[in-house]
Amino acid sequence: MIIGYLIYDIRSLRACSNTCYPWYIAAVPHLYYALLVDTKSLDQKSQWPNSVQNMHVLGLLPLVKSFSIRRGGLSKVGLSQNLFNRCTLRQFSALTGIRILWIDDLDIPSFMPMIRRYFGHLLPTVQILTLREPKGSHRQIIYFIGMFQHLEDLRLLYDEYRVNFQDEPADDLMLLPPSVPPLQGRLTLKNFTRISLLKDMVDLFGGIRFRGMDLFNVDGMSLLLGACANTLETLRLYPDDLRGGVVSPGRFQPLADNFTARLSLQSFDLSRNKSLQVLQVPARSVDRVLRGDSPDTALNFLKHVLSTTTSTAFSELVVLYWDYDFRGVQLTQHSVRPHIHEISQAERVDEASRHHKRFELLHEVHKVRDFQLVLCAEVWGPIGEYSVRMLRQAIADEKVKKGFDDFSSDPLVTCYLYAEPW
C-alpha cells in the first residue's frame, strides 16, 4: 500500500528499493515499468543506450512492461533491420515481459521475411500496440499486427493528413496474417487515410470487434462504425484538433464522412451502434467556435450526434479535461513535465467563467437526450488531485446557480492518470 502511493515518485521508489529485500521486490517493478529509447542514438552508435545495456547486465529488462522506440528530435530514422546486430538483438530479445509496445517509423519491409527472428519474443505478451507512421504496404502492416496473438488495443498514428499513398504491390496480396488477434479493446487512429488497409483488416481478420474508438481526422468513418456496430461501447469525438486548436483549411480537404467536415452533420450516424454506452469529447471542443462557421457549430455537432444515437445502453457523456485546461498547471520551457502553481484571483474568476459557459452549452445538449454528465481529468499523475479538486469546485459553484436542476442526476468527477505526459 505504501508503494502504491509512491508509484510516480522516482526518488522515493529508489529509497524504498534500498531499504531491504521485501521493499526492493515491491518497488523495483515500478522503477523499471517503462523504458524509452530513440532511433537516432541507436543509428549513430549501433547499440542501445547505456541505460538499456546496464539493465541487461543486471537482468532488469524482463521487468519492463512498456517499451517505446521513438524518433529522436526531428529525425525520421526508422527502426529497420540495419540497426540490429548480434549484441543489440540479444539485448532486445531480453524484453520478454512487454505489454505495451510503441514504435515510430517502423520499416516493416526491411525485416521481411525474417521478422519473427526480431519480434518473436514479444508476440505472447504484447496487448497494446502503437505504430507511428509505419512503413510498408497494407498487407505488410496487417501481417505485423496479426503476429501479436493477444493484441487488444491498436493505435495507428500519422503526423499529417495525407491523401496520396503508393499503390500496394501486386505480389504482396499473397501475404496473410499468421493469426487473428482479439482486437477487442480500443482502436486509435490519427490523420488516417488508408481506407484499403481498414478494408483488408476487416476481411483478413474476419471483422474487427473493438469496444472503444478514438478517431481523429479519419477517412472511412462509416466503415469503422459499421464494422463495430455490435461491439462499440465508447466513442471519442473531436470537433476540432487534438490540442484544442482550430482545424486549418489549408492543410487538407476534409471528406464527406470525416466528422471535421461541414457535411458531417448529415453523414455522421450512430443509429447502427446498438451497444454504444459512452461518448467522449474534449472540454475545449464544447465551446469551440470552428473556422468560418456559426458560433454554435460544436454545439450543433454534439446535438446531432446525440440525436442519431439509438442505443438503449447509452448513458454517459464524458467531457475530457487535459493538463492545459487548468489555469493552475504550467509547462516549463525546459521540461514537458507540468507543475502546479498558485493562480491569482483574477485567473480564478476567469476559469470559473469558462466552466460556467461550458455547463450552459452542455445544458442545451442535454435537452436532446438525457445522459449522465461525467467530467474526467485525463492528466499526468502528480496533478490529478489538483485537477479533481478544481472540477469539483466548478460543479459546486454551478449548483449554487441551479445550473444542473434539469439534469436527472448530478455530474460526476473522475480522473484518469498516466505515468508520463505523451
Protein backbone atom coordinates (compact mmCIF):
# COMPACT_ATOMS: atom_id res chain seq x y z
CA MET A 1 0.00 0.00 0.00
CA ILE A 2 2.86 2.38 0.74
CA ILE A 3 4.47 1.73 -2.63
CA GLY A 4 1.11 2.33 -4.29
CA TYR A 5 1.19 5.96 -3.12
CA LEU A 6 4.70 6.47 -4.48
CA ILE A 7 4.50 4.98 -7.98
CA TYR A 8 5.05 8.42 -9.60
CA ASP A 9 7.82 9.46 -7.18
CA ILE A 10 11.05 8.01 -8.60
CA ARG A 11 13.32 9.32 -5.82
CA SER A 12 11.15 7.77 -3.11
CA LEU A 13 10.93 4.49 -5.01
CA ARG A 14 14.72 4.34 -5.21
CA ALA A 15 14.97 4.97 -1.48
CA CYS A 16 12.42 2.22 -0.82
CA SER A 17 14.32 -0.23 -3.02
CA ASN A 18 17.44 0.34 -0.86
CA THR A 19 15.63 -0.38 2.43
CA CYS A 20 15.51 -4.17 2.44
CA TYR A 21 14.83 -7.10 0.15
CA PRO A 22 10.98 -7.15 0.50
CA TRP A 23 10.82 -3.38 -0.15
CA TYR A 24 13.13 -3.85 -3.14
CA ILE A 25 10.83 -6.51 -4.60
CA ALA A 26 7.81 -4.19 -4.15
CA ALA A 27 9.46 -1.05 -5.55
CA VAL A 28 11.62 -2.25 -8.43
CA PRO A 29 8.78 -3.17 -10.86
CA HIS A 30 7.55 0.44 -10.70
CA LEU A 31 11.06 1.82 -11.19
CA TYR A 32 11.55 -0.12 -14.41
CA TYR A 33 7.97 -0.34 -15.66
CA ALA A 34 8.55 1.92 -18.69
CA LEU A 35 11.58 2.24 -20.96
CA LEU A 36 12.04 4.71 -23.82
CA VAL A 37 14.82 4.88 -26.41
CA ASP A 38 15.22 6.88 -29.62
CA THR A 39 16.23 5.55 -33.01
CA LYS A 40 18.66 8.45 -33.57
CA SER A 41 21.05 7.28 -30.84
CA LEU A 42 20.64 3.68 -31.94
CA ASP A 43 21.52 4.61 -35.52
CA GLN A 44 24.61 6.65 -34.60
CA LYS A 45 26.16 4.19 -32.13
CA SER A 46 24.78 0.90 -33.48
CA GLN A 47 23.97 -0.03 -29.88
CA TRP A 48 21.27 0.57 -27.32
CA PRO A 49 21.72 3.46 -24.87
CA ASN A 50 23.77 2.81 -21.71
CA SER A 51 20.61 2.56 -19.61
CA VAL A 52 19.42 -0.43 -21.66
CA GLN A 53 22.82 -2.09 -21.60
CA ASN A 54 23.13 -1.67 -17.83
CA MET A 55 19.63 -3.06 -17.27
CA HIS A 56 20.53 -6.05 -19.43
CA VAL A 57 23.66 -6.75 -17.37
CA LEU A 58 21.65 -6.54 -14.13
CA GLY A 59 18.85 -8.73 -15.50
CA LEU A 60 16.22 -5.98 -15.23
CA LEU A 61 14.92 -5.92 -18.81
CA PRO A 62 12.27 -8.63 -18.16
CA LEU A 63 10.67 -6.23 -15.63
CA VAL A 64 9.89 -3.66 -18.36
CA LYS A 65 6.20 -3.68 -19.29
CA SER A 66 6.03 -0.58 -21.52
CA PHE A 67 8.68 -0.17 -24.23
CA SER A 68 8.83 2.76 -26.66
CA ILE A 69 11.14 3.31 -29.62
CA ARG A 70 10.69 6.96 -30.61
CA ARG A 71 12.34 9.11 -33.23
CA GLY A 72 14.95 11.46 -31.79
CA GLY A 73 14.02 15.14 -32.26
CA LEU A 74 13.27 15.93 -35.90
CA SER A 75 14.99 12.77 -37.07
CA LYS A 76 12.95 10.46 -39.28
CA VAL A 77 15.30 7.50 -38.85
CA GLY A 78 13.10 4.43 -38.79
CA LEU A 79 13.56 1.19 -36.90
CA SER A 80 14.94 -1.18 -39.51
CA GLN A 81 16.87 -4.42 -39.64
CA ASN A 82 20.07 -2.45 -40.32
CA LEU A 83 20.03 -1.09 -36.75
CA PHE A 84 20.35 -4.56 -35.25
CA ASN A 85 23.48 -6.61 -34.77
CA ARG A 86 24.13 -9.72 -32.70
CA CYS A 87 24.63 -7.72 -29.50
CA THR A 88 21.65 -5.35 -29.85
CA LEU A 89 19.36 -8.21 -30.89
CA ARG A 90 20.36 -10.22 -27.80
CA GLN A 91 19.54 -7.25 -25.54
CA PHE A 92 16.28 -6.55 -27.38
CA SER A 93 15.30 -10.20 -27.02
CA ALA A 94 15.65 -9.91 -23.22
CA LEU A 95 12.47 -7.75 -23.16
CA THR A 96 10.22 -10.73 -22.53
CA GLY A 97 7.52 -9.06 -20.44
CA ILE A 98 6.44 -6.22 -22.75
CA ARG A 99 2.72 -5.49 -22.57
CA ILE A 100 2.71 -2.03 -24.21
CA LEU A 101 4.78 -1.52 -27.38
CA TRP A 102 5.23 1.81 -29.21
CA ILE A 103 7.40 2.08 -32.36
CA ASP A 104 7.97 5.17 -34.51
CA ASP A 105 8.74 4.80 -38.24
CA LEU A 106 8.89 1.01 -38.23
CA ASP A 107 10.37 -0.16 -41.54
CA ILE A 108 8.49 -3.44 -41.88
CA PRO A 109 9.81 -4.41 -45.38
CA SER A 110 13.40 -4.38 -44.09
CA PHE A 111 12.56 -7.18 -41.62
CA MET A 112 10.76 -9.42 -44.12
CA PRO A 113 10.73 -12.40 -44.34
CA MET A 114 12.71 -12.96 -41.09
CA ILE A 115 10.55 -10.64 -38.98
CA ARG A 116 9.82 -13.29 -36.32
CA ARG A 117 13.53 -13.53 -35.54
CA TYR A 118 13.43 -9.93 -34.29
CA PHE A 119 9.96 -9.65 -32.74
CA GLY A 120 9.12 -13.25 -31.84
CA HIS A 121 9.85 -12.78 -28.12
CA LEU A 122 7.19 -10.03 -27.96
CA LEU A 123 4.34 -11.93 -29.59
CA PRO A 124 2.94 -13.77 -26.50
CA THR A 125 2.79 -10.71 -24.21
CA VAL A 126 2.02 -7.51 -26.18
CA GLN A 127 -1.57 -6.35 -25.68
CA ILE A 128 -1.30 -2.68 -26.70
CA LEU A 129 0.50 -1.75 -29.94
CA THR A 130 1.19 1.76 -31.25
CA LEU A 131 2.69 2.31 -34.70
CA ARG A 132 3.52 5.87 -35.63
CA GLU A 133 3.90 6.30 -39.40
CA PRO A 134 4.80 2.66 -40.14
CA LYS A 135 6.47 1.97 -43.47
CA GLY A 136 5.14 -0.85 -45.61
CA SER A 137 2.26 -1.98 -47.76
CA HIS A 138 -1.21 -2.63 -46.36
CA ARG A 139 -0.65 -6.38 -46.19
CA GLN A 140 2.76 -5.99 -44.51
CA ILE A 141 1.30 -3.77 -41.79
CA ILE A 142 -1.60 -6.20 -41.28
CA TYR A 143 0.87 -9.11 -41.16
CA PHE A 144 2.85 -7.35 -38.41
CA ILE A 145 -0.33 -6.63 -36.43
CA GLY A 146 -1.50 -10.23 -36.91
CA MET A 147 1.65 -11.65 -35.32
CA PHE A 148 0.54 -10.49 -31.85
CA GLN A 149 -1.97 -13.19 -30.98
CA HIS A 150 -3.13 -11.48 -27.75
CA LEU A 151 -3.37 -7.91 -29.10
CA GLU A 152 -6.31 -5.92 -27.71
CA ASP A 153 -5.57 -2.20 -28.34
CA LEU A 154 -4.24 -0.83 -31.64
CA ARG A 155 -3.03 2.69 -32.47
CA LEU A 156 -2.05 3.85 -35.96
CA LEU A 157 -0.82 7.44 -35.87
CA TYR A 158 0.25 9.76 -38.67
CA ASP A 159 1.62 13.25 -38.12
CA GLU A 160 -0.08 14.86 -41.11
CA TYR A 161 -3.15 14.22 -43.21
CA ARG A 162 -2.05 12.57 -46.46
CA VAL A 163 -4.23 11.92 -49.46
CA ASN A 164 -1.93 10.03 -51.83
CA PHE A 165 -0.17 6.79 -50.94
CA GLN A 166 1.70 4.47 -53.25
CA ASP A 167 -0.31 1.54 -54.60
CA GLU A 168 0.20 -1.75 -52.87
CA PRO A 169 2.47 -4.16 -54.79
CA ALA A 170 0.59 -6.95 -56.54
CA ASP A 171 2.83 -9.72 -55.19
CA ASP A 172 2.03 -8.59 -51.65
CA LEU A 173 -1.56 -9.82 -51.91
CA MET A 174 -0.45 -13.36 -51.02
CA LEU A 175 0.83 -12.21 -47.63
CA LEU A 176 -1.63 -13.38 -44.93
CA PRO A 177 -1.51 -12.62 -41.19
CA PRO A 178 -0.26 -15.59 -39.14
CA SER A 179 -3.03 -15.24 -36.54
CA VAL A 180 -6.23 -13.34 -35.76
CA PRO A 181 -5.69 -11.17 -32.67
CA PRO A 182 -8.71 -10.46 -30.43
CA LEU A 183 -8.74 -6.67 -31.13
CA GLN A 184 -11.47 -6.20 -28.54
CA GLY A 185 -10.00 -3.16 -26.78
CA ARG A 186 -9.54 0.34 -28.17
CA LEU A 187 -8.74 1.50 -31.71
CA THR A 188 -6.94 4.84 -32.06
CA LEU A 189 -6.46 6.41 -35.48
CA LYS A 190 -4.97 9.84 -36.16
CA ASN A 191 -4.72 11.55 -39.57
CA PHE A 192 -5.55 8.22 -41.19
CA THR A 193 -6.31 7.97 -44.92
CA ARG A 194 -5.56 4.32 -45.77
CA ILE A 195 -9.10 3.05 -46.26
CA SER A 196 -7.83 0.00 -48.17
CA LEU A 197 -5.85 -1.03 -45.10
CA LEU A 198 -9.02 -0.90 -43.00
CA LYS A 199 -10.95 -2.94 -45.57
CA ASP A 200 -8.21 -5.58 -45.75
CA MET A 201 -8.03 -5.72 -41.96
CA VAL A 202 -11.76 -6.36 -41.71
CA ASP A 203 -11.61 -9.03 -44.43
CA LEU A 204 -8.46 -10.85 -43.26
CA PHE A 205 -9.32 -10.79 -39.56
CA GLY A 206 -12.93 -11.79 -40.19
CA GLY A 207 -14.13 -8.44 -38.87
CA ILE A 208 -12.98 -6.19 -36.04
CA ARG A 209 -14.52 -6.14 -32.57
CA PHE A 210 -13.23 -3.02 -30.84
CA ARG A 211 -15.19 -1.83 -27.82
CA GLY A 212 -13.69 1.66 -27.90
CA MET A 213 -12.61 4.06 -30.65
CA ASP A 214 -10.55 7.25 -30.57
CA LEU A 215 -10.76 8.69 -34.08
CA PHE A 216 -9.24 11.98 -35.21
CA ASN A 217 -9.27 13.03 -38.85
CA VAL A 218 -10.02 9.58 -40.24
CA ASP A 219 -11.24 8.53 -43.67
CA GLY A 220 -13.60 5.58 -43.73
CA MET A 221 -15.56 6.61 -40.65
CA SER A 222 -18.69 4.82 -41.86
CA LEU A 223 -16.69 1.63 -42.49
CA LEU A 224 -15.34 1.60 -38.94
CA LEU A 225 -18.67 2.36 -37.28
CA GLY A 226 -20.37 -0.33 -39.34
CA ALA A 227 -17.67 -2.95 -38.69
CA CYS A 228 -18.02 -2.45 -34.92
CA ALA A 229 -21.78 -1.93 -34.92
CA ASN A 230 -22.36 -4.76 -32.44
CA THR A 231 -19.37 -4.17 -30.13
CA LEU A 232 -18.65 -0.42 -29.93
CA GLU A 233 -19.29 0.89 -26.42
CA THR A 234 -17.13 4.03 -26.14
CA LEU A 235 -16.50 6.60 -28.88
CA ARG A 236 -14.26 9.66 -28.58
CA LEU A 237 -15.04 12.57 -30.90
CA TYR A 238 -13.01 15.63 -31.91
CA PRO A 239 -14.96 18.53 -33.38
CA ASP A 240 -11.54 20.24 -33.58
CA ASP A 241 -7.92 19.13 -33.42
CA LEU A 242 -6.16 17.14 -30.69
CA ARG A 243 -4.69 20.11 -28.86
CA GLY A 244 -7.86 22.21 -28.82
CA GLY A 245 -6.92 24.45 -31.77
CA VAL A 246 -8.93 25.14 -34.88
CA VAL A 247 -8.61 22.82 -37.89
CA SER A 248 -6.76 24.70 -40.62
CA PRO A 249 -8.50 24.65 -44.03
CA GLY A 250 -5.19 24.91 -45.87
CA ARG A 251 -3.77 21.63 -44.61
CA PHE A 252 -6.24 19.24 -46.18
CA GLN A 253 -9.59 18.96 -47.87
CA PRO A 254 -11.98 17.18 -45.47
CA LEU A 255 -14.09 14.39 -46.89
CA ALA A 256 -17.83 13.90 -46.51
CA ASP A 257 -17.56 11.09 -43.95
CA ASN A 258 -14.97 12.91 -41.86
CA PHE A 259 -16.58 14.43 -38.79
CA THR A 260 -14.36 17.52 -39.04
CA ALA A 261 -16.07 18.27 -42.37
CA ARG A 262 -19.02 20.60 -42.67
CA LEU A 263 -21.14 17.80 -44.12
CA SER A 264 -20.60 15.64 -41.02
CA LEU A 265 -23.91 16.72 -39.51
CA GLN A 266 -25.66 14.90 -42.35
CA SER A 267 -23.26 11.96 -42.75
CA PHE A 268 -22.36 11.04 -39.17
CA ASP A 269 -24.80 8.39 -37.97
CA LEU A 270 -24.63 6.26 -34.80
CA SER A 271 -28.01 4.58 -35.22
CA ARG A 272 -26.37 1.23 -36.13
CA ASN A 273 -24.26 1.07 -32.97
CA LYS A 274 -26.76 -0.59 -30.64
CA SER A 275 -24.23 -1.25 -27.84
CA LEU A 276 -22.89 2.32 -27.58
CA GLN A 277 -22.72 3.46 -23.95
CA VAL A 278 -20.36 6.42 -23.73
CA LEU A 279 -19.48 9.46 -25.85
CA GLN A 280 -16.29 11.37 -25.05
CA VAL A 281 -15.43 14.91 -26.16
CA PRO A 282 -12.56 17.26 -25.19
CA ALA A 283 -13.61 20.07 -22.87
CA ARG A 284 -12.37 22.80 -25.20
CA SER A 285 -14.42 21.48 -28.10
CA VAL A 286 -17.67 22.11 -26.22
CA ASP A 287 -17.37 25.89 -26.54
CA ARG A 288 -15.03 25.97 -29.54
CA VAL A 289 -16.00 28.15 -32.50
CA LEU A 290 -14.92 26.28 -35.61
CA ARG A 291 -13.44 28.18 -38.52
CA GLY A 292 -15.84 30.02 -40.79
CA ASP A 293 -18.91 28.56 -39.13
CA SER A 294 -21.59 29.86 -36.83
CA PRO A 295 -20.68 30.23 -33.12
CA ASP A 296 -22.75 27.19 -32.17
CA THR A 297 -21.15 24.77 -34.65
CA ALA A 298 -19.62 22.49 -31.99
CA LEU A 299 -22.89 22.60 -30.06
CA ASN A 300 -24.88 21.59 -33.14
CA PHE A 301 -22.42 18.79 -33.76
CA LEU A 302 -22.96 17.29 -30.29
CA LYS A 303 -26.73 17.68 -30.63
CA HIS A 304 -26.67 15.88 -33.97
CA VAL A 305 -24.55 13.01 -32.62
CA LEU A 306 -26.90 12.50 -29.68
CA SER A 307 -29.95 12.65 -31.93
CA THR A 308 -28.59 9.77 -34.06
CA THR A 309 -27.77 7.63 -31.02
CA THR A 310 -30.49 4.98 -30.69
CA SER A 311 -28.67 2.61 -28.32
CA THR A 312 -30.72 1.86 -25.23
CA ALA A 313 -27.44 1.29 -23.36
CA PHE A 314 -26.22 4.85 -23.92
CA SER A 315 -25.84 6.59 -20.56
CA GLU A 316 -22.81 8.90 -20.34
CA LEU A 317 -21.35 11.98 -21.97
CA VAL A 318 -17.75 12.33 -20.79
CA VAL A 319 -16.07 15.74 -21.05
CA LEU A 320 -12.29 15.32 -21.02
CA TYR A 321 -10.08 17.89 -19.30
CA TRP A 322 -6.35 17.81 -20.06
CA ASP A 323 -3.36 19.47 -18.41
CA TYR A 324 -3.68 22.75 -20.29
CA ASP A 325 -7.37 23.08 -19.36
CA PHE A 326 -6.41 24.07 -15.82
CA ARG A 327 -5.00 27.51 -15.01
CA GLY A 328 -3.01 26.14 -12.10
CA VAL A 329 -0.95 23.85 -14.32
CA GLN A 330 2.07 25.13 -16.23
CA LEU A 331 4.50 23.58 -18.68
CA THR A 332 8.01 24.97 -18.15
CA GLN A 333 10.10 25.95 -21.13
CA HIS A 334 12.75 23.32 -20.48
CA SER A 335 10.56 20.41 -19.43
CA VAL A 336 7.42 18.64 -20.62
CA ARG A 337 6.51 17.84 -17.02
CA PRO A 338 3.65 20.06 -15.86
CA HIS A 339 3.77 21.57 -12.41
CA ILE A 340 1.20 23.29 -10.20
CA HIS A 341 1.40 26.98 -9.34
CA GLU A 342 -0.76 29.36 -7.35
CA ILE A 343 -3.19 31.29 -9.55
CA SER A 344 -4.40 34.82 -8.92
CA GLN A 345 -7.94 35.80 -8.00
CA ALA A 346 -8.48 37.22 -11.50
CA GLU A 347 -7.45 33.89 -13.01
CA ARG A 348 -9.84 32.06 -10.70
CA VAL A 349 -12.70 34.28 -11.83
CA ASP A 350 -11.81 33.76 -15.48
CA GLU A 351 -11.59 29.97 -15.03
CA ALA A 352 -14.96 29.91 -13.25
CA SER A 353 -16.47 31.87 -16.13
CA ARG A 354 -15.15 29.34 -18.66
CA HIS A 355 -16.57 26.45 -16.66
CA HIS A 356 -19.94 28.20 -16.43
CA LYS A 357 -20.04 28.79 -20.18
CA ARG A 358 -19.36 25.11 -20.91
CA PHE A 359 -22.01 23.99 -18.44
CA GLU A 360 -24.57 26.26 -20.11
CA LEU A 361 -23.79 24.72 -23.51
CA LEU A 362 -23.96 21.20 -22.08
CA HIS A 363 -27.35 22.10 -20.65
CA GLU A 364 -28.52 22.78 -24.23
CA VAL A 365 -27.10 19.44 -25.39
CA HIS A 366 -28.86 17.68 -22.52
CA LYS A 367 -32.23 18.78 -23.90
CA VAL A 368 -31.70 16.46 -26.90
CA ARG A 369 -31.26 13.35 -24.78
CA ASP A 370 -30.79 12.54 -21.11
CA PHE A 371 -27.32 11.44 -20.05
CA GLN A 372 -25.07 11.23 -17.01
CA LEU A 373 -22.54 14.05 -17.28
CA VAL A 374 -19.03 12.94 -16.32
CA LEU A 375 -16.11 15.36 -16.04
CA CYS A 376 -12.88 13.41 -16.46
CA ALA A 377 -9.44 14.82 -15.71
CA GLU A 378 -7.18 12.86 -18.07
CA VAL A 379 -3.91 14.11 -16.70
CA TRP A 380 -0.36 13.29 -15.71
CA GLY A 381 -0.26 11.59 -12.32
CA PRO A 382 1.04 14.25 -9.89
CA ILE A 383 -1.55 16.87 -10.90
CA GLY A 384 -4.53 14.52 -10.62
CA GLU A 385 -5.54 15.63 -7.13
CA TYR A 386 -5.43 19.31 -8.12
CA SER A 387 -7.49 18.66 -11.27
CA VAL A 388 -10.21 16.76 -9.43
CA ARG A 389 -10.40 19.50 -6.79
CA MET A 390 -10.85 22.19 -9.45
CA LEU A 391 -13.60 20.26 -11.24
CA ARG A 392 -15.49 19.57 -8.03
CA GLN A 393 -15.33 23.25 -7.13
CA ALA A 394 -16.69 24.17 -10.58
CA ILE A 395 -19.65 21.80 -10.09
CA ALA A 396 -20.32 23.21 -6.62
CA ASP A 397 -20.35 26.76 -7.99
CA GLU A 398 -22.73 25.76 -10.79
CA LYS A 399 -25.11 24.08 -8.34
CA VAL A 400 -25.40 27.38 -6.49
CA LYS A 401 -26.59 28.91 -9.77
CA LYS A 402 -29.02 25.96 -10.17
CA GLY A 403 -27.33 25.08 -13.46
CA PHE A 404 -27.97 21.34 -13.09
CA ASP A 405 -31.59 21.44 -11.95
CA ASP A 406 -32.84 19.87 -15.20
CA PHE A 407 -30.35 17.00 -15.08
CA SER A 408 -31.73 13.72 -13.77
CA SER A 409 -28.50 13.12 -11.80
CA ASP A 410 -25.64 15.24 -10.52
CA PRO A 411 -22.47 15.41 -12.64
CA LEU A 412 -19.67 13.07 -11.65
CA VAL A 413 -15.95 13.80 -11.44
CA THR A 414 -13.42 11.12 -12.26
CA CYS A 415 -9.71 11.07 -13.01
CA TYR A 416 -7.57 9.03 -15.38
CA LEU A 417 -3.87 9.21 -14.51
CA TYR A 418 -1.00 8.32 -16.81
CA ALA A 419 2.57 7.98 -15.60
CA GLU A 420 4.16 10.35 -18.10
CA PRO A 421 2.80 13.10 -20.41
CA TRP A 422 2.52 11.94 -24.02
